[in-house]
Amino acid sequence: MQMKGWAITMGIGAAAGAVAVLMMPRTNPTRRLAAKAANKVEDVAWKISDKLNQEFDM
């Protein structure tokens, strides 16, 4: 149960941080860096998804 509470707390903290970054002006360097990081994470997630789909389809 302790791990579950920790995970929920981390998720809430990450969401609050994301909201704070999104409230920044688009020209803010922190927001630009966060956008680049989010794009890279999304790319990696798609690559993993594609790889898993290929493995399970065969």
N, C-alpha and C. Protein backbone atom coordinates (compact mmCIF):
# COMPACT_ATOMS: atom_id res chain seq x y z
N MET A 1 0.82 -1.18 0.00
CA MET A 1 0.00 0.00 0.00
C MET A 1 0.87 1.25 0.00
N GLN A 2 2.03 1.18 0.64
CA GLN A 2 2.91 2.34 0.71
C GLN A 2 3.42 2.71 -0.69
N MET A 3 3.73 1.74 -1.51
CA MET A 3 4.21 2.01 -2.87
C MET A 3 3.10 2.64 -3.70
N LYS A 4 1.87 2.18 -3.51
CA LYS A 4 0.73 2.74 -4.25
C LYS A 4 0.56 4.22 -3.91
N GLY A 5 0.66 4.55 -2.64
CA GLY A 5 0.55 5.95 -2.21
C GLY A 5 1.65 6.80 -2.79
N TRP A 6 2.86 6.26 -2.82
CA TRP A 6 4.00 6.98 -3.39
C TRP A 6 3.77 7.24 -4.88
N ALA A 7 3.28 6.23 -5.61
CA ALA A 7 3.04 6.37 -7.04
C ALA A 7 1.95 7.42 -7.31
N ILE A 8 0.91 7.41 -6.51
CA ILE A 8 -0.16 8.40 -6.68
C ILE A 8 0.38 9.81 -6.41
N THR A 9 1.18 9.95 -5.37
CA THR A 9 1.76 11.26 -5.04
C THR A 9 2.67 11.75 -6.17
N MET A 10 3.46 10.86 -6.72
CA MET A 10 4.35 11.25 -7.82
C MET A 10 3.54 11.64 -9.06
N GLY A 11 2.47 10.92 -9.32
CA GLY A 11 1.62 11.24 -10.47
C GLY A 11 0.97 12.61 -10.32
N ILE A 12 0.50 12.90 -9.12
CA ILE A 12 -0.12 14.20 -8.87
C ILE A 12 0.93 15.31 -8.99
N GLY A 13 2.11 15.06 -8.48
CA GLY A 13 3.20 16.05 -8.59
C GLY A 13 3.59 16.30 -10.03
N ALA A 14 3.68 15.24 -10.82
CA ALA A 14 4.02 15.40 -12.24
C ALA A 14 2.94 16.17 -12.98
N ALA A 15 1.69 15.87 -12.68
CA ALA A 15 0.58 16.58 -13.33
C ALA A 15 0.60 18.05 -12.95
N ALA A 16 0.85 18.36 -11.70
CA ALA A 16 0.91 19.76 -11.26
C ALA A 16 2.07 20.49 -11.94
N GLY A 17 3.19 19.82 -12.07
CA GLY A 17 4.33 20.42 -12.77
C GLY A 17 4.04 20.66 -14.23
N ALA A 18 3.36 19.72 -14.86
CA ALA A 18 3.01 19.88 -16.27
C ALA A 18 2.06 21.06 -16.47
N VAL A 19 1.11 21.21 -15.57
CA VAL A 19 0.18 22.34 -15.65
C VAL A 19 0.93 23.65 -15.49
N ALA A 20 1.87 23.69 -14.55
CA ALA A 20 2.66 24.91 -14.34
C ALA A 20 3.46 25.27 -15.58
N VAL A 21 4.05 24.26 -16.23
CA VAL A 21 4.83 24.52 -17.44
C VAL A 21 3.93 24.99 -18.57
N LEU A 22 2.74 24.40 -18.69
CA LEU A 22 1.83 24.80 -19.76
C LEU A 22 1.29 26.21 -19.56
N MET A 23 1.30 26.70 -18.35
CA MET A 23 0.82 28.06 -18.09
C MET A 23 1.87 29.11 -18.45
N MET A 24 3.10 28.67 -18.70
CA MET A 24 4.17 29.60 -19.07
C MET A 24 3.97 30.07 -20.51
N PRO A 25 4.51 31.24 -20.85
CA PRO A 25 4.44 31.70 -22.25
C PRO A 25 5.17 30.73 -23.18
N ARG A 26 4.73 30.66 -24.41
CA ARG A 26 5.34 29.74 -25.37
C ARG A 26 6.81 30.03 -25.63
N THR A 27 7.24 31.26 -25.42
CA THR A 27 8.63 31.63 -25.66
C THR A 27 9.54 31.29 -24.49
N ASN A 28 8.99 30.83 -23.39
CA ASN A 28 9.78 30.49 -22.21
C ASN A 28 10.67 29.29 -22.51
N PRO A 29 11.98 29.38 -22.21
CA PRO A 29 12.89 28.25 -22.49
C PRO A 29 12.50 26.96 -21.77
N THR A 30 11.95 27.08 -20.56
CA THR A 30 11.55 25.88 -19.82
C THR A 30 10.42 25.17 -20.54
N ARG A 31 9.46 25.93 -21.05
CA ARG A 31 8.35 25.32 -21.77
C ARG A 31 8.85 24.67 -23.06
N ARG A 32 9.76 25.32 -23.75
CA ARG A 32 10.30 24.73 -24.99
C ARG A 32 11.04 23.43 -24.70
N LEU A 33 11.82 23.42 -23.63
CA LEU A 33 12.55 22.20 -23.25
C LEU A 33 11.58 21.09 -22.87
N ALA A 34 10.53 21.44 -22.13
CA ALA A 34 9.53 20.44 -21.75
C ALA A 34 8.82 19.88 -22.98
N ALA A 35 8.54 20.74 -23.96
CA ALA A 35 7.88 20.28 -25.19
C ALA A 35 8.79 19.32 -25.96
N LYS A 36 10.08 19.64 -26.03
CA LYS A 36 11.03 18.75 -26.72
C LYS A 36 11.10 17.40 -26.02
N ALA A 37 11.15 17.43 -24.70
CA ALA A 37 11.21 16.18 -23.93
C ALA A 37 9.95 15.36 -24.14
N ALA A 38 8.80 16.02 -24.14
CA ALA A 38 7.53 15.31 -24.34
C ALA A 38 7.48 14.69 -25.73
N ASN A 39 7.97 15.39 -26.73
CA ASN A 39 7.99 14.86 -28.09
C ASN A 39 8.89 13.63 -28.19
N LYS A 40 10.04 13.67 -27.52
CA LYS A 40 10.95 12.52 -27.56
C LYS A 40 10.34 11.32 -26.86
N VAL A 41 9.69 11.56 -25.73
CA VAL A 41 9.04 10.46 -25.01
C VAL A 41 7.94 9.85 -25.87
N GLU A 42 7.18 10.70 -26.55
CA GLU A 42 6.12 10.20 -27.42
C GLU A 42 6.69 9.37 -28.56
N ASP A 43 7.79 9.84 -29.16
CA ASP A 43 8.43 9.09 -30.23
C ASP A 43 8.88 7.71 -29.76
N VAL A 44 9.51 7.67 -28.59
CA VAL A 44 9.98 6.39 -28.05
C VAL A 44 8.80 5.47 -27.76
N ALA A 45 7.71 6.03 -27.21
CA ALA A 45 6.53 5.22 -26.92
C ALA A 45 5.95 4.63 -28.21
N TRP A 46 5.90 5.41 -29.27
CA TRP A 46 5.39 4.89 -30.55
C TRP A 46 6.30 3.79 -31.09
N LYS A 47 7.62 3.98 -30.98
CA LYS A 47 8.56 2.96 -31.47
C LYS A 47 8.39 1.65 -30.70
N ILE A 48 8.24 1.76 -29.38
CA ILE A 48 8.04 0.57 -28.56
C ILE A 48 6.73 -0.11 -28.93
N SER A 49 5.69 0.68 -29.11
CA SER A 49 4.38 0.14 -29.48
C SER A 49 4.45 -0.58 -30.82
N ASP A 50 5.11 0.05 -31.78
CA ASP A 50 5.25 -0.57 -33.10
C ASP A 50 6.03 -1.88 -33.01
N LYS A 51 7.10 -1.87 -32.24
CA LYS A 51 7.94 -3.07 -32.09
C LYS A 51 7.13 -4.20 -31.44
N LEU A 52 6.37 -3.87 -30.39
CA LEU A 52 5.56 -4.90 -29.73
C LEU A 52 4.49 -5.44 -30.67
N ASN A 53 3.87 -4.57 -31.44
CA ASN A 53 2.85 -5.01 -32.39
C ASN A 53 3.45 -5.95 -33.43
N GLN A 54 4.66 -5.64 -33.89
CA GLN A 54 5.31 -6.50 -34.87
C GLN A 54 5.62 -7.87 -34.27
N GLU A 55 6.09 -7.88 -33.05
CA GLU A 55 6.45 -9.14 -32.39
C GLU A 55 5.22 -10.03 -32.15
N PHE A 56 4.13 -9.43 -31.75
CA PHE A 56 2.94 -10.22 -31.43
C PHE A 56 2.12 -10.58 -32.65
N ASP A 57 2.29 -9.84 -33.75
CA ASP A 57 1.54 -10.15 -34.97
C ASP A 57 2.13 -11.33 -35.70
N MET A 58 3.40 -11.63 -35.49
CA MET A 58 4.05 -12.71 -36.22
C MET A 58 3.83 -14.03 -35.60
